[in-house]
Amino acid sequence: RSAHGQTPGQPAFEYDIDRPGSDYLNFELSTADPAICSAQCAADAPC
């Protein structure tokens, strides 16, 4: 298990962690779900 109860193969979400800088795109999410942000990064080649 990870520190946040995740098993290997699940998303490695870093809770209460910011990674400022290197931004090339930002956008609003009408659904408050970090999984959408994670999935968008996975689908976007430069991310």
All heavy atoms as atom14 arrays in JSON, in Angstrom:
{
  "sequence": "RSAHGQTPGQPAFEYDIDRPGSDYLNFELSTADPAICSAQCAADAPC",
  "atom14_mask": [
    [1, 1, 1, 1, 1, 1, 1, 1, 1, 1, 1, 0, 0, 0],
    [1, 1, 1, 1, 1, 1, 0, 0, 0, 0, 0, 0, 0, 0],
    [1, 1, 1, 1, 1, 0, 0, 0, 0, 0, 0, 0, 0, 0],
    [1, 1, 1, 1, 1, 1, 1, 1, 1, 1, 0, 0, 0, 0],
    [1, 1, 1, 1, 0, 0, 0, 0, 0, 0, 0, 0, 0, 0],
    [1, 1, 1, 1, 1, 1, 1, 1, 1, 0, 0, 0, 0, 0],
    [1, 1, 1, 1, 1, 1, 1, 0, 0, 0, 0, 0, 0, 0],
    [1, 1, 1, 1, 1, 1, 1, 0, 0, 0, 0, 0, 0, 0],
    [1, 1, 1, 1, 0, 0, 0, 0, 0, 0, 0, 0, 0, 0],
    [1, 1, 1, 1, 1, 1, 1, 1, 1, 0, 0, 0, 0, 0],
    [1, 1, 1, 1, 1, 1, 1, 0, 0, 0, 0, 0, 0, 0],
    [1, 1, 1, 1, 1, 0, 0, 0, 0, 0, 0, 0, 0, 0],
    [1, 1, 1, 1, 1, 1, 1, 1, 1, 1, 1, 0, 0, 0],
    [1, 1, 1, 1, 1, 1, 1, 1, 1, 0, 0, 0, 0, 0],
    [1, 1, 1, 1, 1, 1, 1, 1, 1, 1, 1, 1, 0, 0],
    [1, 1, 1, 1, 1, 1, 1, 1, 0, 0, 0, 0, 0, 0],
    [1, 1, 1, 1, 1, 1, 1, 1, 0, 0, 0, 0, 0, 0],
    [1, 1, 1, 1, 1, 1, 1, 1, 0, 0, 0, 0, 0, 0],
    [1, 1, 1, 1, 1, 1, 1, 1, 1, 1, 1, 0, 0, 0],
    [1, 1, 1, 1, 1, 1, 1, 0, 0, 0, 0, 0, 0, 0],
    [1, 1, 1, 1, 0, 0, 0, 0, 0, 0, 0, 0, 0, 0],
    [1, 1, 1, 1, 1, 1, 0, 0, 0, 0, 0, 0, 0, 0],
    [1, 1, 1, 1, 1, 1, 1, 1, 0, 0, 0, 0, 0, 0],
    [1, 1, 1, 1, 1, 1, 1, 1, 1, 1, 1, 1, 0, 0],
    [1, 1, 1, 1, 1, 1, 1, 1, 0, 0, 0, 0, 0, 0],
    [1, 1, 1, 1, 1, 1, 1, 1, 0, 0, 0, 0, 0, 0],
    [1, 1, 1, 1, 1, 1, 1, 1, 1, 1, 1, 0, 0, 0],
    [1, 1, 1, 1, 1, 1, 1, 1, 1, 0, 0, 0, 0, 0],
    [1, 1, 1, 1, 1, 1, 1, 1, 0, 0, 0, 0, 0, 0],
    [1, 1, 1, 1, 1, 1, 0, 0, 0, 0, 0, 0, 0, 0],
    [1, 1, 1, 1, 1, 1, 1, 0, 0, 0, 0, 0, 0, 0],
    [1, 1, 1, 1, 1, 0, 0, 0, 0, 0, 0, 0, 0, 0],
    [1, 1, 1, 1, 1, 1, 1, 1, 0, 0, 0, 0, 0, 0],
    [1, 1, 1, 1, 1, 1, 1, 0, 0, 0, 0, 0, 0, 0],
    [1, 1, 1, 1, 1, 0, 0, 0, 0, 0, 0, 0, 0, 0],
    [1, 1, 1, 1, 1, 1, 1, 1, 0, 0, 0, 0, 0, 0],
    [1, 1, 1, 1, 1, 1, 0, 0, 0, 0, 0, 0, 0, 0],
    [1, 1, 1, 1, 1, 1, 0, 0, 0, 0, 0, 0, 0, 0],
    [1, 1, 1, 1, 1, 0, 0, 0, 0, 0, 0, 0, 0, 0],
    [1, 1, 1, 1, 1, 1, 1, 1, 1, 0, 0, 0, 0, 0],
    [1, 1, 1, 1, 1, 1, 0, 0, 0, 0, 0, 0, 0, 0],
    [1, 1, 1, 1, 1, 0, 0, 0, 0, 0, 0, 0, 0, 0],
    [1, 1, 1, 1, 1, 0, 0, 0, 0, 0, 0, 0, 0, 0],
    [1, 1, 1, 1, 1, 1, 1, 1, 0, 0, 0, 0, 0, 0],
    [1, 1, 1, 1, 1, 0, 0, 0, 0, 0, 0, 0, 0, 0],
    [1, 1, 1, 1, 1, 1, 1, 0, 0, 0, 0, 0, 0, 0],
    [1, 1, 1, 1, 1, 1, 0, 0, 0, 0, 0, 0, 0, 0]
  ],
  "atom14_positions": [
    [[0.84, -1.2, 0.0], [0.0, 0.0, 0.0], [0.87, 1.23, 0.0], [1.95, 1.25, 0.57], [-0.9, 0.04, 1.24], [-1.89, -1.11, 1.33], [-3.14, -0.82, 0.56], [-4.02, -1.97, 0.49], [-5.23, -1.93, -0.05], [-5.65, -0.82, -0.59], [-5.97, -3.0, -0.09], [0.0, 0.0, 0.0], [0.0, 0.0, 0.0], [0.0, 0.0, 0.0]],
    [[0.34, 2.27, -0.61], [1.02, 3.56, -0.55], [0.53, 4.3, 0.68], [-0.33, 3.82, 1.41], [0.7, 4.38, -1.81], [-0.61, 4.88, -1.73], [0.0, 0.0, 0.0], [0.0, 0.0, 0.0], [0.0, 0.0, 0.0], [0.0, 0.0, 0.0], [0.0, 0.0, 0.0], [0.0, 0.0, 0.0], [0.0, 0.0, 0.0], [0.0, 0.0, 0.0]],
    [[1.05, 5.51, 0.87], [0.65, 6.31, 2.03], [-0.82, 6.66, 2.0], [-1.42, 6.99, 3.01], [1.49, 7.59, 2.09], [0.0, 0.0, 0.0], [0.0, 0.0, 0.0], [0.0, 0.0, 0.0], [0.0, 0.0, 0.0], [0.0, 0.0, 0.0], [0.0, 0.0, 0.0], [0.0, 0.0, 0.0], [0.0, 0.0, 0.0], [0.0, 0.0, 0.0]],
    [[-1.46, 6.58, 0.82], [-2.87, 6.95, 0.73], [-3.74, 5.75, 0.42], [-4.82, 5.89, -0.14], [-3.05, 8.04, -0.34], [-2.39, 9.32, 0.05], [-2.91, 10.16, 1.0], [-1.23, 9.88, -0.35], [-2.1, 11.21, 1.15], [-1.09, 11.07, 0.35], [0.0, 0.0, 0.0], [0.0, 0.0, 0.0], [0.0, 0.0, 0.0], [0.0, 0.0, 0.0]],
    [[-3.26, 4.54, 0.77], [-4.09, 3.36, 0.65], [-4.27, 2.87, -0.78], [-5.21, 2.16, -1.07], [0.0, 0.0, 0.0], [0.0, 0.0, 0.0], [0.0, 0.0, 0.0], [0.0, 0.0, 0.0], [0.0, 0.0, 0.0], [0.0, 0.0, 0.0], [0.0, 0.0, 0.0], [0.0, 0.0, 0.0], [0.0, 0.0, 0.0], [0.0, 0.0, 0.0]],
    [[-3.37, 3.22, -1.68], [-3.5, 2.8, -3.06], [-2.63, 1.57, -3.3], [-1.51, 1.49, -2.82], [-3.06, 3.91, -4.01], [-3.98, 5.13, -3.95], [-3.36, 6.3, -4.66], [-2.19, 6.6, -4.47], [-4.13, 6.97, -5.47], [0.0, 0.0, 0.0], [0.0, 0.0, 0.0], [0.0, 0.0, 0.0], [0.0, 0.0, 0.0], [0.0, 0.0, 0.0]],
    [[-3.16, 0.61, -4.04], [-2.39, -0.56, -4.42], [-1.71, -0.29, -5.75], [-2.14, 0.56, -6.51], [-3.32, -1.78, -4.57], [-4.32, -1.47, -5.52], [-3.94, -2.15, -3.24], [0.0, 0.0, 0.0], [0.0, 0.0, 0.0], [0.0, 0.0, 0.0], [0.0, 0.0, 0.0], [0.0, 0.0, 0.0], [0.0, 0.0, 0.0], [0.0, 0.0, 0.0]],
    [[-0.6, -1.01, -6.04], [0.09, -0.79, -7.3], [-0.86, -0.98, -8.48], [-1.71, -1.86, -8.49], [1.17, -1.88, -7.29], [1.41, -2.14, -5.85], [0.09, -1.98, -5.18], [0.0, 0.0, 0.0], [0.0, 0.0, 0.0], [0.0, 0.0, 0.0], [0.0, 0.0, 0.0], [0.0, 0.0, 0.0], [0.0, 0.0, 0.0], [0.0, 0.0, 0.0]],
    [[-0.72, -0.15, -9.5], [-1.6, -0.19, -10.67], [-2.7, 0.84, -10.57], [-3.32, 1.19, -11.57], [0.0, 0.0, 0.0], [0.0, 0.0, 0.0], [0.0, 0.0, 0.0], [0.0, 0.0, 0.0], [0.0, 0.0, 0.0], [0.0, 0.0, 0.0], [0.0, 0.0, 0.0], [0.0, 0.0, 0.0], [0.0, 0.0, 0.0], [0.0, 0.0, 0.0]],
    [[-2.98, 1.34, -9.36], [-3.95, 2.4, -9.2], [-3.25, 3.74, -9.4], [-2.03, 3.84, -9.36], [-4.59, 2.35, -7.81], [-5.56, 1.19, -7.63], [-6.23, 1.25, -6.29], [-5.6, 1.52, -5.28], [-7.51, 1.0, -6.25], [0.0, 0.0, 0.0], [0.0, 0.0, 0.0], [0.0, 0.0, 0.0], [0.0, 0.0, 0.0], [0.0, 0.0, 0.0]],
    [[-4.04, 4.81, -9.62], [-3.44, 6.12, -9.84], [-2.57, 6.56, -8.66], [-2.96, 6.43, -7.51], [-4.66, 7.04, -9.97], [-5.79, 6.14, -10.3], [-5.49, 4.83, -9.66], [0.0, 0.0, 0.0], [0.0, 0.0, 0.0], [0.0, 0.0, 0.0], [0.0, 0.0, 0.0], [0.0, 0.0, 0.0], [0.0, 0.0, 0.0], [0.0, 0.0, 0.0]],
    [[-1.39, 7.08, -8.97], [-0.49, 7.56, -7.92], [-0.82, 9.02, -7.63], [-0.07, 9.92, -8.0], [0.96, 7.39, -8.36], [0.0, 0.0, 0.0], [0.0, 0.0, 0.0], [0.0, 0.0, 0.0], [0.0, 0.0, 0.0], [0.0, 0.0, 0.0], [0.0, 0.0, 0.0], [0.0, 0.0, 0.0], [0.0, 0.0, 0.0], [0.0, 0.0, 0.0]],
    [[-1.94, 9.25, -7.01], [-2.35, 10.62, -6.69], [-1.54, 11.13, -5.5], [-1.41, 10.44, -4.49], [-3.84, 10.67, -6.34], [-4.76, 10.5, -7.52], [-4.27, 10.3, -8.8], [-6.13, 10.55, -7.34], [-5.11, 10.14, -9.88], [-6.99, 10.4, -8.42], [-6.48, 10.2, -9.69], [0.0, 0.0, 0.0], [0.0, 0.0, 0.0], [0.0, 0.0, 0.0]],
    [[-1.02, 12.34, -5.62], [-0.21, 12.96, -4.58], [-1.09, 13.99, -3.85], [-1.18, 15.14, -4.26], [1.01, 13.63, -5.21], [1.87, 12.66, -6.01], [2.9, 13.35, -6.87], [2.78, 14.58, -7.1], [3.84, 12.68, -7.34], [0.0, 0.0, 0.0], [0.0, 0.0, 0.0], [0.0, 0.0, 0.0], [0.0, 0.0, 0.0], [0.0, 0.0, 0.0]],
    [[-1.73, 13.55, -2.8], [-2.66, 14.41, -2.08], [-1.9, 15.47, -1.27], [-0.86, 15.18, -0.69], [-3.56, 13.58, -1.17], [-4.5, 12.69, -1.95], [-4.15, 11.38, -2.25], [-5.72, 13.16, -2.41], [-5.0, 10.55, -2.97], [-6.58, 12.35, -3.14], [-6.22, 11.06, -3.41], [-7.06, 10.26, -4.14], [0.0, 0.0, 0.0], [0.0, 0.0, 0.0]],
    [[-2.46, 16.69, -1.27], [-1.86, 17.83, -0.55], [-0.47, 18.16, -1.08], [0.39, 18.64, -0.34], [-1.79, 17.56, 0.95], [-3.17, 17.33, 1.56], [-4.16, 17.8, 0.96], [-3.27, 16.68, 2.61], [0.0, 0.0, 0.0], [0.0, 0.0, 0.0], [0.0, 0.0, 0.0], [0.0, 0.0, 0.0], [0.0, 0.0, 0.0], [0.0, 0.0, 0.0]],
    [[-0.25, 17.88, -2.37], [1.03, 18.18, -3.03], [0.78, 19.08, -4.23], [-0.09, 18.8, -5.06], [1.73, 16.89, -3.51], [2.12, 15.99, -2.33], [2.94, 17.2, -4.38], [3.22, 16.55, -1.48], [0.0, 0.0, 0.0], [0.0, 0.0, 0.0], [0.0, 0.0, 0.0], [0.0, 0.0, 0.0], [0.0, 0.0, 0.0], [0.0, 0.0, 0.0]],
    [[1.54, 20.17, -4.33], [1.51, 21.04, -5.51], [2.8, 20.8, -6.29], [3.84, 20.43, -5.72], [1.43, 22.5, -5.07], [1.19, 23.45, -6.25], [0.84, 22.96, -7.35], [1.34, 24.66, -6.05], [0.0, 0.0, 0.0], [0.0, 0.0, 0.0], [0.0, 0.0, 0.0], [0.0, 0.0, 0.0], [0.0, 0.0, 0.0], [0.0, 0.0, 0.0]],
    [[2.73, 20.94, -7.62], [3.91, 20.88, -8.48], [3.91, 22.14, -9.35], [3.59, 22.08, -10.55], [3.91, 19.62, -9.33], [4.24, 18.33, -8.56], [4.33, 17.14, -9.5], [4.7, 15.91, -8.84], [5.94, 15.48, -8.66], [6.95, 16.22, -9.1], [6.19, 14.33, -8.07], [0.0, 0.0, 0.0], [0.0, 0.0, 0.0], [0.0, 0.0, 0.0]],
    [[4.26, 23.3, -8.79], [4.18, 24.55, -9.55], [5.24, 24.64, -10.64], [6.37, 24.19, -10.47], [4.41, 25.62, -8.48], [5.16, 24.93, -7.39], [4.7, 23.51, -7.4], [0.0, 0.0, 0.0], [0.0, 0.0, 0.0], [0.0, 0.0, 0.0], [0.0, 0.0, 0.0], [0.0, 0.0, 0.0], [0.0, 0.0, 0.0], [0.0, 0.0, 0.0]],
    [[4.84, 25.23, -11.78], [5.76, 25.45, -12.89], [5.56, 24.48, -14.03], [4.83, 23.48, -13.92], [0.0, 0.0, 0.0], [0.0, 0.0, 0.0], [0.0, 0.0, 0.0], [0.0, 0.0, 0.0], [0.0, 0.0, 0.0], [0.0, 0.0, 0.0], [0.0, 0.0, 0.0], [0.0, 0.0, 0.0], [0.0, 0.0, 0.0], [0.0, 0.0, 0.0]],
    [[6.18, 24.8, -15.19], [6.14, 23.97, -16.4], [4.73, 23.81, -16.97], [4.43, 22.82, -17.64], [6.76, 22.59, -16.16], [8.1, 22.7, -15.74], [0.0, 0.0, 0.0], [0.0, 0.0, 0.0], [0.0, 0.0, 0.0], [0.0, 0.0, 0.0], [0.0, 0.0, 0.0], [0.0, 0.0, 0.0], [0.0, 0.0, 0.0], [0.0, 0.0, 0.0]],
    [[3.84, 24.78, -16.7], [2.46, 24.69, -17.18], [2.39, 25.07, -18.66], [2.97, 26.07, -19.08], [1.56, 25.64, -16.38], [1.67, 25.42, -14.88], [1.41, 24.3, -14.43], [2.05, 26.37, -14.17], [0.0, 0.0, 0.0], [0.0, 0.0, 0.0], [0.0, 0.0, 0.0], [0.0, 0.0, 0.0], [0.0, 0.0, 0.0], [0.0, 0.0, 0.0]],
    [[1.67, 24.27, -19.44], [1.42, 24.64, -20.83], [-0.07, 24.75, -21.14], [-0.45, 25.26, -22.18], [2.09, 23.66, -21.8], [1.44, 22.28, -21.86], [0.46, 21.99, -22.79], [1.85, 21.28, -20.99], [-0.11, 20.75, -22.86], [1.28, 20.02, -21.05], [0.3, 19.76, -21.99], [-0.28, 18.51, -22.05], [0.0, 0.0, 0.0], [0.0, 0.0, 0.0]],
    [[-0.92, 24.27, -20.21], [-2.36, 24.36, -20.41], [-3.06, 24.25, -19.07], [-2.65, 23.47, -18.21], [-2.84, 23.22, -21.33], [-4.34, 23.19, -21.67], [-4.71, 24.42, -22.5], [-4.68, 21.93, -22.45], [0.0, 0.0, 0.0], [0.0, 0.0, 0.0], [0.0, 0.0, 0.0], [0.0, 0.0, 0.0], [0.0, 0.0, 0.0], [0.0, 0.0, 0.0]],
    [[-4.11, 25.07, -18.88], [-4.95, 24.93, -17.69], [-6.38, 25.2, -18.07], [-6.66, 25.96, -19.0], [-4.48, 25.83, -16.54], [-4.76, 27.29, -16.77], [-5.83, 27.8, -16.42], [-3.81, 28.01, -17.39], [0.0, 0.0, 0.0], [0.0, 0.0, 0.0], [0.0, 0.0, 0.0], [0.0, 0.0, 0.0], [0.0, 0.0, 0.0], [0.0, 0.0, 0.0]],
    [[-7.31, 24.57, -17.36], [-8.72, 24.7, -17.71], [-9.58, 24.35, -16.5], [-9.15, 23.64, -15.59], [-9.09, 23.79, -18.88], [-8.61, 22.38, -18.73], [-9.4, 21.4, -18.15], [-7.35, 22.01, -19.17], [-8.96, 20.1, -18.01], [-6.88, 20.72, -19.04], [-7.7, 19.76, -18.46], [0.0, 0.0, 0.0], [0.0, 0.0, 0.0], [0.0, 0.0, 0.0]],
    [[-10.81, 24.88, -16.49], [-11.75, 24.61, -15.41], [-12.36, 23.23, -15.59], [-12.48, 22.72, -16.71], [-12.86, 25.65, -15.4], [-12.39, 27.04, -14.98], [-13.53, 28.04, -14.96], [-14.51, 27.84, -15.72], [-13.45, 29.02, -14.19], [0.0, 0.0, 0.0], [0.0, 0.0, 0.0], [0.0, 0.0, 0.0], [0.0, 0.0, 0.0], [0.0, 0.0, 0.0]],
    [[-12.75, 22.62, -14.46], [-13.45, 21.34, -14.46], [-14.81, 21.53, -13.81], [-14.89, 21.91, -12.64], [-12.65, 20.3, -13.67], [-11.28, 19.89, -14.23], [-10.58, 18.96, -13.25], [-11.41, 19.23, -15.58], [0.0, 0.0, 0.0], [0.0, 0.0, 0.0], [0.0, 0.0, 0.0], [0.0, 0.0, 0.0], [0.0, 0.0, 0.0], [0.0, 0.0, 0.0]],
    [[-15.86, 21.25, -14.55], [-17.2, 21.39, -13.97], [-17.48, 20.28, -12.96], [-18.35, 20.41, -12.11], [-18.27, 21.4, -15.06], [-18.19, 20.23, -15.83], [0.0, 0.0, 0.0], [0.0, 0.0, 0.0], [0.0, 0.0, 0.0], [0.0, 0.0, 0.0], [0.0, 0.0, 0.0], [0.0, 0.0, 0.0], [0.0, 0.0, 0.0], [0.0, 0.0, 0.0]],
    [[-16.73, 19.18, -13.06], [-16.81, 18.09, -12.09], [-15.55, 18.1, -11.23], [-14.44, 18.03, -11.77], [-16.94, 16.72, -12.79], [-18.1, 16.74, -13.63], [-17.07, 15.6, -11.78], [0.0, 0.0, 0.0], [0.0, 0.0, 0.0], [0.0, 0.0, 0.0], [0.0, 0.0, 0.0], [0.0, 0.0, 0.0], [0.0, 0.0, 0.0], [0.0, 0.0, 0.0]],
    [[-15.71, 18.2, -9.92], [-14.56, 18.3, -9.02], [-13.97, 16.91, -8.78], [-14.23, 16.26, -7.76], [-14.98, 18.94, -7.7], [0.0, 0.0, 0.0], [0.0, 0.0, 0.0], [0.0, 0.0, 0.0], [0.0, 0.0, 0.0], [0.0, 0.0, 0.0], [0.0, 0.0, 0.0], [0.0, 0.0, 0.0], [0.0, 0.0, 0.0], [0.0, 0.0, 0.0]],
    [[-13.13, 16.46, -9.74], [-12.58, 15.11, -9.67], [-11.16, 15.12, -10.24], [-10.97, 15.32, -11.44], [-13.47, 14.16, -10.47], [-13.02, 12.7, -10.36], [-11.96, 12.45, -9.75], [-13.73, 11.83, -10.89], [0.0, 0.0, 0.0], [0.0, 0.0, 0.0], [0.0, 0.0, 0.0], [0.0, 0.0, 0.0], [0.0, 0.0, 0.0], [0.0, 0.0, 0.0]],
    [[-10.13, 14.88, -9.41], [-8.76, 14.88, -9.92], [-8.49, 13.79, -10.95], [-7.56, 13.89, -11.73], [-7.91, 14.68, -8.66], [-8.82, 14.12, -7.64], [-10.18, 14.66, -7.95], [0.0, 0.0, 0.0], [0.0, 0.0, 0.0], [0.0, 0.0, 0.0], [0.0, 0.0, 0.0], [0.0, 0.0, 0.0], [0.0, 0.0, 0.0], [0.0, 0.0, 0.0]],
    [[-9.32, 12.73, -10.98], [-9.13, 11.67, -11.96], [-9.31, 12.2, -13.38], [-8.69, 11.69, -14.32], [-10.12, 10.53, -11.7], [0.0, 0.0, 0.0], [0.0, 0.0, 0.0], [0.0, 0.0, 0.0], [0.0, 0.0, 0.0], [0.0, 0.0, 0.0], [0.0, 0.0, 0.0], [0.0, 0.0, 0.0], [0.0, 0.0, 0.0], [0.0, 0.0, 0.0]],
    [[-10.14, 13.23, -13.57], [-10.33, 13.82, -14.89], [-9.05, 14.5, -15.34], [-8.61, 14.38, -16.49], [-11.51, 14.82, -14.89], [-12.82, 14.1, -14.58], [-11.61, 15.54, -16.23], [-14.0, 15.01, -14.4], [0.0, 0.0, 0.0], [0.0, 0.0, 0.0], [0.0, 0.0, 0.0], [0.0, 0.0, 0.0], [0.0, 0.0, 0.0], [0.0, 0.0, 0.0]],
    [[-8.41, 15.2, -14.43], [-7.14, 15.88, -14.72], [-6.06, 14.84, -15.06], [-5.3, 14.99, -16.03], [-6.73, 16.73, -13.53], [-5.42, 17.93, -13.85], [0.0, 0.0, 0.0], [0.0, 0.0, 0.0], [0.0, 0.0, 0.0], [0.0, 0.0, 0.0], [0.0, 0.0, 0.0], [0.0, 0.0, 0.0], [0.0, 0.0, 0.0], [0.0, 0.0, 0.0]],
    [[-6.01, 13.77, -14.29], [-5.05, 12.7, -14.53], [-5.27, 12.06, -15.89], [-4.32, 11.83, -16.65], [-5.18, 11.64, -13.42], [-4.38, 10.52, -13.68], [0.0, 0.0, 0.0], [0.0, 0.0, 0.0], [0.0, 0.0, 0.0], [0.0, 0.0, 0.0], [0.0, 0.0, 0.0], [0.0, 0.0, 0.0], [0.0, 0.0, 0.0], [0.0, 0.0, 0.0]],
    [[-6.53, 11.78, -16.23], [-6.86, 11.16, -17.51], [-6.53, 12.07, -18.68], [-6.08, 11.62, -19.73], [-8.34, 10.77, -17.54], [0.0, 0.0, 0.0], [0.0, 0.0, 0.0], [0.0, 0.0, 0.0], [0.0, 0.0, 0.0], [0.0, 0.0, 0.0], [0.0, 0.0, 0.0], [0.0, 0.0, 0.0], [0.0, 0.0, 0.0], [0.0, 0.0, 0.0]],
    [[-6.75, 13.39, -18.51], [-6.44, 14.32, -19.58], [-4.93, 14.37, -19.84], [-4.49, 14.45, -20.99], [-6.96, 15.72, -19.23], [-6.89, 16.71, -20.38], [-7.67, 16.24, -21.59], [-8.8, 15.76, -21.48], [-7.09, 16.38, -22.77], [0.0, 0.0, 0.0], [0.0, 0.0, 0.0], [0.0, 0.0, 0.0], [0.0, 0.0, 0.0], [0.0, 0.0, 0.0]],
    [[-4.14, 14.31, -18.78], [-2.68, 14.28, -18.93], [-2.27, 13.02, -19.69], [-1.43, 13.07, -20.59], [-2.0, 14.34, -17.57], [-0.19, 14.28, -17.64], [0.0, 0.0, 0.0], [0.0, 0.0, 0.0], [0.0, 0.0, 0.0], [0.0, 0.0, 0.0], [0.0, 0.0, 0.0], [0.0, 0.0, 0.0], [0.0, 0.0, 0.0], [0.0, 0.0, 0.0]],
    [[-2.88, 11.89, -19.35], [-2.55, 10.63, -20.01], [-2.86, 10.67, -21.5], [-2.17, 10.04, -22.3], [-3.31, 9.48, -19.34], [0.0, 0.0, 0.0], [0.0, 0.0, 0.0], [0.0, 0.0, 0.0], [0.0, 0.0, 0.0], [0.0, 0.0, 0.0], [0.0, 0.0, 0.0], [0.0, 0.0, 0.0], [0.0, 0.0, 0.0], [0.0, 0.0, 0.0]],
    [[-3.9, 11.43, -21.87], [-4.32, 11.49, -23.27], [-3.59, 12.55, -24.08], [-3.75, 12.61, -25.3], [-5.83, 11.74, -23.33], [0.0, 0.0, 0.0], [0.0, 0.0, 0.0], [0.0, 0.0, 0.0], [0.0, 0.0, 0.0], [0.0, 0.0, 0.0], [0.0, 0.0, 0.0], [0.0, 0.0, 0.0], [0.0, 0.0, 0.0], [0.0, 0.0, 0.0]],
    [[-2.81, 13.4, -23.43], [-2.18, 14.54, -24.09], [-0.67, 14.29, -24.23], [0.03, 14.17, -23.22], [-2.45, 15.81, -23.28], [-2.43, 17.05, -24.14], [-2.89, 16.99, -25.28], [-1.95, 18.09, -23.66], [0.0, 0.0, 0.0], [0.0, 0.0, 0.0], [0.0, 0.0, 0.0], [0.0, 0.0, 0.0], [0.0, 0.0, 0.0], [0.0, 0.0, 0.0]],
    [[-0.17, 14.22, -25.46], [1.22, 13.83, -25.7], [2.26, 14.66, -24.94], [3.2, 14.11, -24.37], [1.52, 13.85, -27.2], [0.0, 0.0, 0.0], [0.0, 0.0, 0.0], [0.0, 0.0, 0.0], [0.0, 0.0, 0.0], [0.0, 0.0, 0.0], [0.0, 0.0, 0.0], [0.0, 0.0, 0.0], [0.0, 0.0, 0.0], [0.0, 0.0, 0.0]],
    [[2.15, 16.01, -24.88], [3.21, 16.79, -24.21], [3.2, 16.66, -22.69], [4.16, 17.06, -22.03], [2.9, 18.25, -24.62], [1.89, 18.17, -25.71], [1.15, 16.89, -25.5], [0.0, 0.0, 0.0], [0.0, 0.0, 0.0], [0.0, 0.0, 0.0], [0.0, 0.0, 0.0], [0.0, 0.0, 0.0], [0.0, 0.0, 0.0], [0.0, 0.0, 0.0]],
    [[2.12, 16.14, -22.13], [1.96, 16.18, -20.67], [2.88, 15.18, -19.97], [2.99, 14.02, -20.36], [0.51, 15.89, -20.3], [0.16, 16.15, -18.54], [0.0, 0.0, 0.0], [0.0, 0.0, 0.0], [0.0, 0.0, 0.0], [0.0, 0.0, 0.0], [0.0, 0.0, 0.0], [0.0, 0.0, 0.0], [0.0, 0.0, 0.0], [0.0, 0.0, 0.0]]
  ]
}
